[in-house]
Amino acid sequence: MIIGTVGRTLQHDLERLTDFGDTAVLLPLSLVFFIWLLATHRAATALTWLLIVVACNFVIGALKLYFLSCPAGDILRSPSGHTGLGILVYGSITLVLAASTRGRWLRRLIVALGTALVVLIAVSRLILHKHSPVEIAIGAAIGGISLAAFVALYRPASGRRRSVFVLAVIALAVAVLFHGEQVKAEGYLRYLGWRLGLGGEACQYG
């Protein structure tokens, strides 16, 4: 009975954790971050980040659309959007927070916390059997490439430390506000795949 109770508690905690990677949380956070970039940086920086977000979502969505209709066995049915978009959004916010921090140890702490969050979200998807290791790896690769593109292009704005604090507060409030909400897009993607004629003989492997 004790083991069962601990197991249920752990599952509940993992479900609460994994919800921070849901589209219902990440899309509002993306909007907040885009508006912040637009207000504190050059418009080109904000628009570039928006383009990266759109591209990341498009690639993950396209892969989900295909593999939901044409699964490659149990190992690949739906690449992890929680992992991919989570790496991009939380990674980008972590980047600007760390870049605006003077103290080396505080900067390292921010990076460690941001990294831990995205890693724990990915691990929670695996433990909860929401995704296979391959699906998580694909999501992580897409998110990692997207984040790397933003890191390569981002240049911190001078004299914006106060605005970064505002970003952190608003981002935290938005994450808490939308936590628990869910966007169940896979059903729509399956329907779209059917409408597009995917599945059956349209699936080609090898």
C-alpha atoms as a PDB file:
ATOM      1  CA  MET A   1       0.000   0.000   0.000  1.00  0.00           C
ATOM      2  CA  ILE A   2       2.838   2.379   0.886  1.00  0.00           C
ATOM      3  CA  ILE A   3       4.614   1.602  -2.392  1.00  0.00           C
ATOM      4  CA  GLY A   4       1.380   2.196  -4.290  1.00  0.00           C
ATOM      5  CA  THR A   5       0.853   5.532  -2.555  1.00  0.00           C
ATOM      6  CA  VAL A   6       4.423   6.622  -3.298  1.00  0.00           C
ATOM      7  CA  GLY A   7       3.986   5.539  -6.914  1.00  0.00           C
ATOM      8  CA  ARG A   8       0.784   7.549  -7.316  1.00  0.00           C
ATOM      9  CA  THR A   9       2.384  10.589  -5.678  1.00  0.00           C
ATOM     10  CA  LEU A  10       5.393  10.333  -7.970  1.00  0.00           C
ATOM     11  CA  GLN A  11       3.187  10.014 -11.035  1.00  0.00           C
ATOM     12  CA  HIS A  12       1.161  13.030  -9.949  1.00  0.00           C
ATOM     13  CA  ASP A  13       4.332  15.072  -9.471  1.00  0.00           C
ATOM     14  CA  LEU A  14       5.652  13.994 -12.864  1.00  0.00           C
ATOM     15  CA  GLU A  15       2.373  14.961 -14.521  1.00  0.00           C
ATOM     16  CA  ARG A  16       2.547  18.391 -12.920  1.00  0.00           C
ATOM     17  CA  LEU A  17       6.137  18.744 -14.080  1.00  0.00           C
ATOM     18  CA  THR A  18       5.481  17.592 -17.627  1.00  0.00           C
ATOM     19  CA  ASP A  19       2.630  20.100 -17.958  1.00  0.00           C
ATOM     20  CA  PHE A  20       5.204  22.898 -18.006  1.00  0.00           C
ATOM     21  CA  GLY A  21       6.194  21.594 -21.433  1.00  0.00           C
ATOM     22  CA  ASP A  22       2.673  21.674 -22.854  1.00  0.00           C
ATOM     23  CA  THR A  23       1.876  23.936 -25.778  1.00  0.00           C
ATOM     24  CA  ALA A  24      -0.746  25.646 -23.599  1.00  0.00           C
ATOM     25  CA  VAL A  25       2.119  26.986 -21.469  1.00  0.00           C
ATOM     26  CA  LEU A  26       4.839  27.382 -24.077  1.00  0.00           C
ATOM     27  CA  LEU A  27       2.849  29.385 -26.624  1.00  0.00           C
ATOM     28  CA  PRO A  28       1.907  32.151 -24.131  1.00  0.00           C
ATOM     29  CA  LEU A  29       5.524  32.164 -22.927  1.00  0.00           C
ATOM     30  CA  SER A  30       6.658  32.489 -26.544  1.00  0.00           C
ATOM     31  CA  LEU A  31       4.380  35.484 -26.990  1.00  0.00           C
ATOM     32  CA  VAL A  32       5.675  37.113 -23.797  1.00  0.00           C
ATOM     33  CA  PHE A  33       9.275  36.583 -24.868  1.00  0.00           C
ATOM     34  CA  PHE A  34       8.600  37.913 -28.365  1.00  0.00           C
ATOM     35  CA  ILE A  35       6.975  41.081 -26.993  1.00  0.00           C
ATOM     36  CA  TRP A  36       9.883  41.534 -24.572  1.00  0.00           C
ATOM     37  CA  LEU A  37      12.428  41.199 -27.387  1.00  0.00           C
ATOM     38  CA  LEU A  38      10.420  43.622 -29.493  1.00  0.00           C
ATOM     39  CA  ALA A  39      10.373  46.173 -26.662  1.00  0.00           C
ATOM     40  CA  THR A  40      14.016  45.870 -25.589  1.00  0.00           C
ATOM     41  CA  HIS A  41      15.976  44.846 -28.695  1.00  0.00           C
ATOM     42  CA  ARG A  42      16.061  45.572 -32.382  1.00  0.00           C
ATOM     43  CA  ALA A  43      12.944  44.474 -34.227  1.00  0.00           C
ATOM     44  CA  ALA A  44      15.091  42.144 -36.335  1.00  0.00           C
ATOM     45  CA  THR A  45      16.072  40.190 -33.202  1.00  0.00           C
ATOM     46  CA  ALA A  46      12.455  39.670 -32.171  1.00  0.00           C
ATOM     47  CA  LEU A  47      11.353  38.738 -35.679  1.00  0.00           C
ATOM     48  CA  THR A  48      14.243  36.323 -36.078  1.00  0.00           C
ATOM     49  CA  TRP A  49      13.309  34.567 -32.851  1.00  0.00           C
ATOM     50  CA  LEU A  50       9.670  34.415 -33.970  1.00  0.00           C
ATOM     51  CA  LEU A  51      10.768  32.838 -37.245  1.00  0.00           C
ATOM     52  CA  ILE A  52      12.809  30.258 -35.339  1.00  0.00           C
ATOM     53  CA  VAL A  53       9.804  29.404 -33.143  1.00  0.00           C
ATOM     54  CA  VAL A  54       7.544  29.027 -36.176  1.00  0.00           C
ATOM     55  CA  ALA A  55      10.123  26.837 -37.934  1.00  0.00           C
ATOM     56  CA  CYS A  56      10.580  24.665 -34.833  1.00  0.00           C
ATOM     57  CA  ASN A  57       6.827  24.173 -34.468  1.00  0.00           C
ATOM     58  CA  PHE A  58       6.438  23.492 -38.184  1.00  0.00           C
ATOM     59  CA  VAL A  59       9.106  20.787 -38.264  1.00  0.00           C
ATOM     60  CA  ILE A  60       7.791  19.058 -35.140  1.00  0.00           C
ATOM     61  CA  GLY A  61       4.201  19.358 -36.377  1.00  0.00           C
ATOM     62  CA  ALA A  62       5.083  17.965 -39.818  1.00  0.00           C
ATOM     63  CA  LEU A  63       6.889  14.997 -38.285  1.00  0.00           C
ATOM     64  CA  LYS A  64       3.987  14.351 -35.929  1.00  0.00           C
ATOM     65  CA  LEU A  65       1.552  14.537 -38.848  1.00  0.00           C
ATOM     66  CA  TYR A  66       3.503  11.956 -40.809  1.00  0.00           C
ATOM     67  CA  PHE A  67       4.393   9.496 -38.061  1.00  0.00           C
ATOM     68  CA  LEU A  68       0.955   9.577 -36.438  1.00  0.00           C
ATOM     69  CA  SER A  69      -0.350   8.375 -39.793  1.00  0.00           C
ATOM     70  CA  CYS A  70       2.656   6.190 -40.613  1.00  0.00           C
ATOM     71  CA  PRO A  71       4.185   5.056 -37.319  1.00  0.00           C
ATOM     72  CA  ALA A  72       7.583   3.378 -37.477  1.00  0.00           C
ATOM     73  CA  GLY A  73       6.590   0.763 -34.932  1.00  0.00           C
ATOM     74  CA  ASP A  74       6.357   1.580 -31.243  1.00  0.00           C
ATOM     75  CA  ILE A  75       9.597   3.563 -31.234  1.00  0.00           C
ATOM     76  CA  LEU A  76       8.404   6.422 -33.442  1.00  0.00           C
ATOM     77  CA  ARG A  77       4.813   7.614 -33.490  1.00  0.00           C
ATOM     78  CA  SER A  78       4.997  11.218 -32.362  1.00  0.00           C
ATOM     79  CA  PRO A  79       8.227  13.224 -31.828  1.00  0.00           C
ATOM     80  CA  SER A  80       8.157  15.030 -28.486  1.00  0.00           C
ATOM     81  CA  GLY A  81       6.908  18.593 -28.842  1.00  0.00           C
ATOM     82  CA  HIS A  82       7.191  19.092 -25.078  1.00  0.00           C
ATOM     83  CA  THR A  83      10.906  18.428 -25.353  1.00  0.00           C
ATOM     84  CA  GLY A  84      11.596  20.331 -28.563  1.00  0.00           C
ATOM     85  CA  LEU A  85       9.647  23.496 -27.912  1.00  0.00           C
ATOM     86  CA  GLY A  86      10.556  23.367 -24.218  1.00  0.00           C
ATOM     87  CA  ILE A  87      14.251  23.456 -25.054  1.00  0.00           C
ATOM     88  CA  LEU A  88      13.754  26.434 -27.373  1.00  0.00           C
ATOM     89  CA  VAL A  89      11.480  28.541 -25.158  1.00  0.00           C
ATOM     90  CA  TYR A  90      12.969  27.843 -21.734  1.00  0.00           C
ATOM     91  CA  GLY A  91      16.447  27.806 -23.227  1.00  0.00           C
ATOM     92  CA  SER A  92      15.959  31.227 -24.808  1.00  0.00           C
ATOM     93  CA  ILE A  93      14.645  32.732 -21.582  1.00  0.00           C
ATOM     94  CA  THR A  94      17.538  31.154 -19.678  1.00  0.00           C
ATOM     95  CA  LEU A  95      19.975  32.635 -22.192  1.00  0.00           C
ATOM     96  CA  VAL A  96      18.823  36.232 -21.756  1.00  0.00           C
ATOM     97  CA  LEU A  97      18.634  35.898 -17.970  1.00  0.00           C
ATOM     98  CA  ALA A  98      22.164  34.501 -17.793  1.00  0.00           C
ATOM     99  CA  ALA A  99      23.529  37.032 -20.292  1.00  0.00           C
ATOM    100  CA  SER A 100      22.268  39.932 -18.179  1.00  0.00           C
ATOM    101  CA  THR A 101      23.735  38.600 -14.921  1.00  0.00           C
ATOM    102  CA  ARG A 102      27.109  39.906 -13.750  1.00  0.00           C
ATOM    103  CA  GLY A 103      27.919  37.336 -11.092  1.00  0.00           C
ATOM    104  CA  ARG A 104      29.563  34.230 -12.510  1.00  0.00           C
ATOM    105  CA  TRP A 105      28.055  31.880  -9.930  1.00  0.00           C
ATOM    106  CA  LEU A 106      24.575  33.334 -10.329  1.00  0.00           C
ATOM    107  CA  ARG A 107      24.924  32.993 -14.089  1.00  0.00           C
ATOM    108  CA  ARG A 108      25.888  29.358 -13.675  1.00  0.00           C
ATOM    109  CA  LEU A 109      22.957  28.778 -11.328  1.00  0.00           C
ATOM    110  CA  ILE A 110      20.513  30.244 -13.864  1.00  0.00           C
ATOM    111  CA  VAL A 111      21.913  28.050 -16.631  1.00  0.00           C
ATOM    112  CA  ALA A 112      21.813  24.987 -14.371  1.00  0.00           C
ATOM    113  CA  LEU A 113      18.180  25.618 -13.389  1.00  0.00           C
ATOM    114  CA  GLY A 114      17.099  26.219 -16.977  1.00  0.00           C
ATOM    115  CA  THR A 115      18.893  23.093 -18.141  1.00  0.00           C
ATOM    116  CA  ALA A 116      17.443  21.023 -15.309  1.00  0.00           C
ATOM    117  CA  LEU A 117      13.919  22.125 -16.194  1.00  0.00           C
ATOM    118  CA  VAL A 118      14.088  21.028 -19.836  1.00  0.00           C
ATOM    119  CA  VAL A 119      15.881  17.790 -18.933  1.00  0.00           C
ATOM    120  CA  LEU A 120      13.260  16.947 -16.298  1.00  0.00           C
ATOM    121  CA  ILE A 121      10.437  17.669 -18.735  1.00  0.00           C
ATOM    122  CA  ALA A 122      12.020  15.298 -21.257  1.00  0.00           C
ATOM    123  CA  VAL A 123      12.601  12.609 -18.617  1.00  0.00           C
ATOM    124  CA  SER A 124       9.023  12.955 -17.357  1.00  0.00           C
ATOM    125  CA  ARG A 125       7.719  12.259 -20.873  1.00  0.00           C
ATOM    126  CA  LEU A 126       9.729   9.037 -20.895  1.00  0.00           C
ATOM    127  CA  ILE A 127       8.760   7.875 -17.397  1.00  0.00           C
ATOM    128  CA  LEU A 128       5.084   8.594 -18.021  1.00  0.00           C
ATOM    129  CA  HIS A 129       5.300   6.563 -21.257  1.00  0.00           C
ATOM    130  CA  LYS A 130       4.175   9.517 -23.327  1.00  0.00           C
ATOM    131  CA  HIS A 131       7.126   9.134 -25.702  1.00  0.00           C
ATOM    132  CA  SER A 132       9.861   6.672 -26.582  1.00  0.00           C
ATOM    133  CA  PRO A 133      13.561   7.547 -26.249  1.00  0.00           C
ATOM    134  CA  VAL A 134      13.732   8.013 -30.034  1.00  0.00           C
ATOM    135  CA  GLU A 135      10.810  10.449 -30.012  1.00  0.00           C
ATOM    136  CA  ILE A 136      12.379  12.439 -27.190  1.00  0.00           C
ATOM    137  CA  ALA A 137      15.751  12.452 -28.968  1.00  0.00           C
ATOM    138  CA  ILE A 138      14.162  13.783 -32.177  1.00  0.00           C
ATOM    139  CA  GLY A 139      12.342  16.514 -30.253  1.00  0.00           C
ATOM    140  CA  ALA A 140      15.541  17.401 -28.395  1.00  0.00           C
ATOM    141  CA  ALA A 141      17.497  17.596 -31.649  1.00  0.00           C
ATOM    142  CA  ILE A 142      14.975  19.948 -33.256  1.00  0.00           C
ATOM    143  CA  GLY A 143      14.747  22.118 -30.139  1.00  0.00           C
ATOM    144  CA  GLY A 144      18.507  22.109 -29.685  1.00  0.00           C
ATOM    145  CA  ILE A 145      19.174  23.185 -33.269  1.00  0.00           C
ATOM    146  CA  SER A 146      16.556  25.923 -32.967  1.00  0.00           C
ATOM    147  CA  LEU A 147      18.041  27.189 -29.710  1.00  0.00           C
ATOM    148  CA  ALA A 148      21.560  27.068 -31.163  1.00  0.00           C
ATOM    149  CA  ALA A 149      20.390  29.262 -34.037  1.00  0.00           C
ATOM    150  CA  PHE A 150      19.030  31.840 -31.599  1.00  0.00           C
ATOM    151  CA  VAL A 151      22.171  31.698 -29.425  1.00  0.00           C
ATOM    152  CA  ALA A 152      24.320  32.344 -32.506  1.00  0.00           C
ATOM    153  CA  LEU A 153      22.274  35.393 -33.477  1.00  0.00           C
ATOM    154  CA  TYR A 154      21.429  36.894 -30.079  1.00  0.00           C
ATOM    155  CA  ARG A 155      23.259  39.967 -28.832  1.00  0.00           C
ATOM    156  CA  PRO A 156      22.346  41.265 -25.347  1.00  0.00           C
ATOM    157  CA  ALA A 157      20.988  44.798 -25.234  1.00  0.00           C
ATOM    158  CA  SER A 158      23.001  47.100 -22.991  1.00  0.00           C
ATOM    159  CA  GLY A 159      21.417  48.623 -19.894  1.00  0.00           C
ATOM    160  CA  ARG A 160      18.449  46.250 -19.846  1.00  0.00           C
ATOM    161  CA  ARG A 161      18.934  44.394 -16.570  1.00  0.00           C
ATOM    162  CA  ARG A 162      15.763  45.804 -15.027  1.00  0.00           C
ATOM    163  CA  SER A 163      13.713  44.738 -18.037  1.00  0.00           C
ATOM    164  CA  VAL A 164      15.166  41.222 -17.768  1.00  0.00           C
ATOM    165  CA  PHE A 165      13.905  41.041 -14.178  1.00  0.00           C
ATOM    166  CA  VAL A 166      10.465  42.075 -15.457  1.00  0.00           C
ATOM    167  CA  LEU A 167      10.670  39.313 -18.088  1.00  0.00           C
ATOM    168  CA  ALA A 168      11.497  36.726 -15.417  1.00  0.00           C
ATOM    169  CA  VAL A 169       8.563  37.783 -13.229  1.00  0.00           C
ATOM    170  CA  ILE A 170       6.058  37.861 -16.089  1.00  0.00           C
ATOM    171  CA  ALA A 171       7.300  34.554 -17.536  1.00  0.00           C
ATOM    172  CA  LEU A 172       6.953  32.881 -14.142  1.00  0.00           C
ATOM    173  CA  ALA A 173       3.445  34.294 -13.697  1.00  0.00           C
ATOM    174  CA  VAL A 174       2.382  33.132 -17.175  1.00  0.00           C
ATOM    175  CA  ALA A 175       3.812  29.637 -16.632  1.00  0.00           C
ATOM    176  CA  VAL A 176       1.932  29.296 -13.340  1.00  0.00           C
ATOM    177  CA  LEU A 177      -1.281  30.774 -14.790  1.00  0.00           C
ATOM    178  CA  PHE A 178      -1.440  28.406 -17.765  1.00  0.00           C
ATOM    179  CA  HIS A 179       0.005  25.369 -15.977  1.00  0.00           C
ATOM    180  CA  GLY A 180      -2.426  22.466 -16.113  1.00  0.00           C
ATOM    181  CA  GLU A 181      -4.016  23.557 -19.370  1.00  0.00           C
ATOM    182  CA  GLN A 182      -3.476  21.205 -22.289  1.00  0.00           C
ATOM    183  CA  VAL A 183      -3.568  21.500 -26.053  1.00  0.00           C
ATOM    184  CA  LYS A 184      -4.435  18.085 -27.485  1.00  0.00           C
ATOM    185  CA  ALA A 185      -3.352  18.577 -31.074  1.00  0.00           C
ATOM    186  CA  GLU A 186      -2.517  14.993 -31.985  1.00  0.00           C
ATOM    187  CA  GLY A 187      -6.145  14.073 -32.657  1.00  0.00           C
ATOM    188  CA  TYR A 188      -6.414  16.917 -35.153  1.00  0.00           C
ATOM    189  CA  LEU A 189      -3.137  15.880 -36.762  1.00  0.00           C
ATOM    190  CA  ARG A 190      -4.385  12.318 -37.173  1.00  0.00           C
ATOM    191  CA  TYR A 191      -7.529  13.631 -38.826  1.00  0.00           C
ATOM    192  CA  LEU A 192      -5.486  15.919 -41.065  1.00  0.00           C
ATOM    193  CA  GLY A 193      -3.242  13.000 -42.001  1.00  0.00           C
ATOM    194  CA  TRP A 194      -6.308  10.999 -42.969  1.00  0.00           C
ATOM    195  CA  ARG A 195      -7.637  13.900 -45.041  1.00  0.00           C
ATOM    196  CA  LEU A 196      -4.276  14.160 -46.797  1.00  0.00           C
ATOM    197  CA  GLY A 197      -4.330  10.481 -47.629  1.00  0.00           C
ATOM    198  CA  LEU A 198      -1.489   9.453 -45.347  1.00  0.00           C
ATOM    199  CA  GLY A 199      -1.397   5.969 -43.889  1.00  0.00           C
ATOM    200  CA  GLY A 200      -1.849   2.559 -45.467  1.00  0.00           C
ATOM    201  CA  GLU A 201      -0.073   2.166 -48.788  1.00  0.00           C
ATOM    202  CA  ALA A 202       1.127   5.797 -48.575  1.00  0.00           C
ATOM    203  CA  CYS A 203       3.507   4.760 -45.788  1.00  0.00           C
ATOM    204  CA  GLN A 204       6.839   3.715 -47.220  1.00  0.00           C
ATOM    205  CA  TYR A 205       9.734   2.388 -45.148  1.00  0.00           C
ATOM    206  CA  GLY A 206      12.839   0.752 -46.491  1.00  0.00           C
END
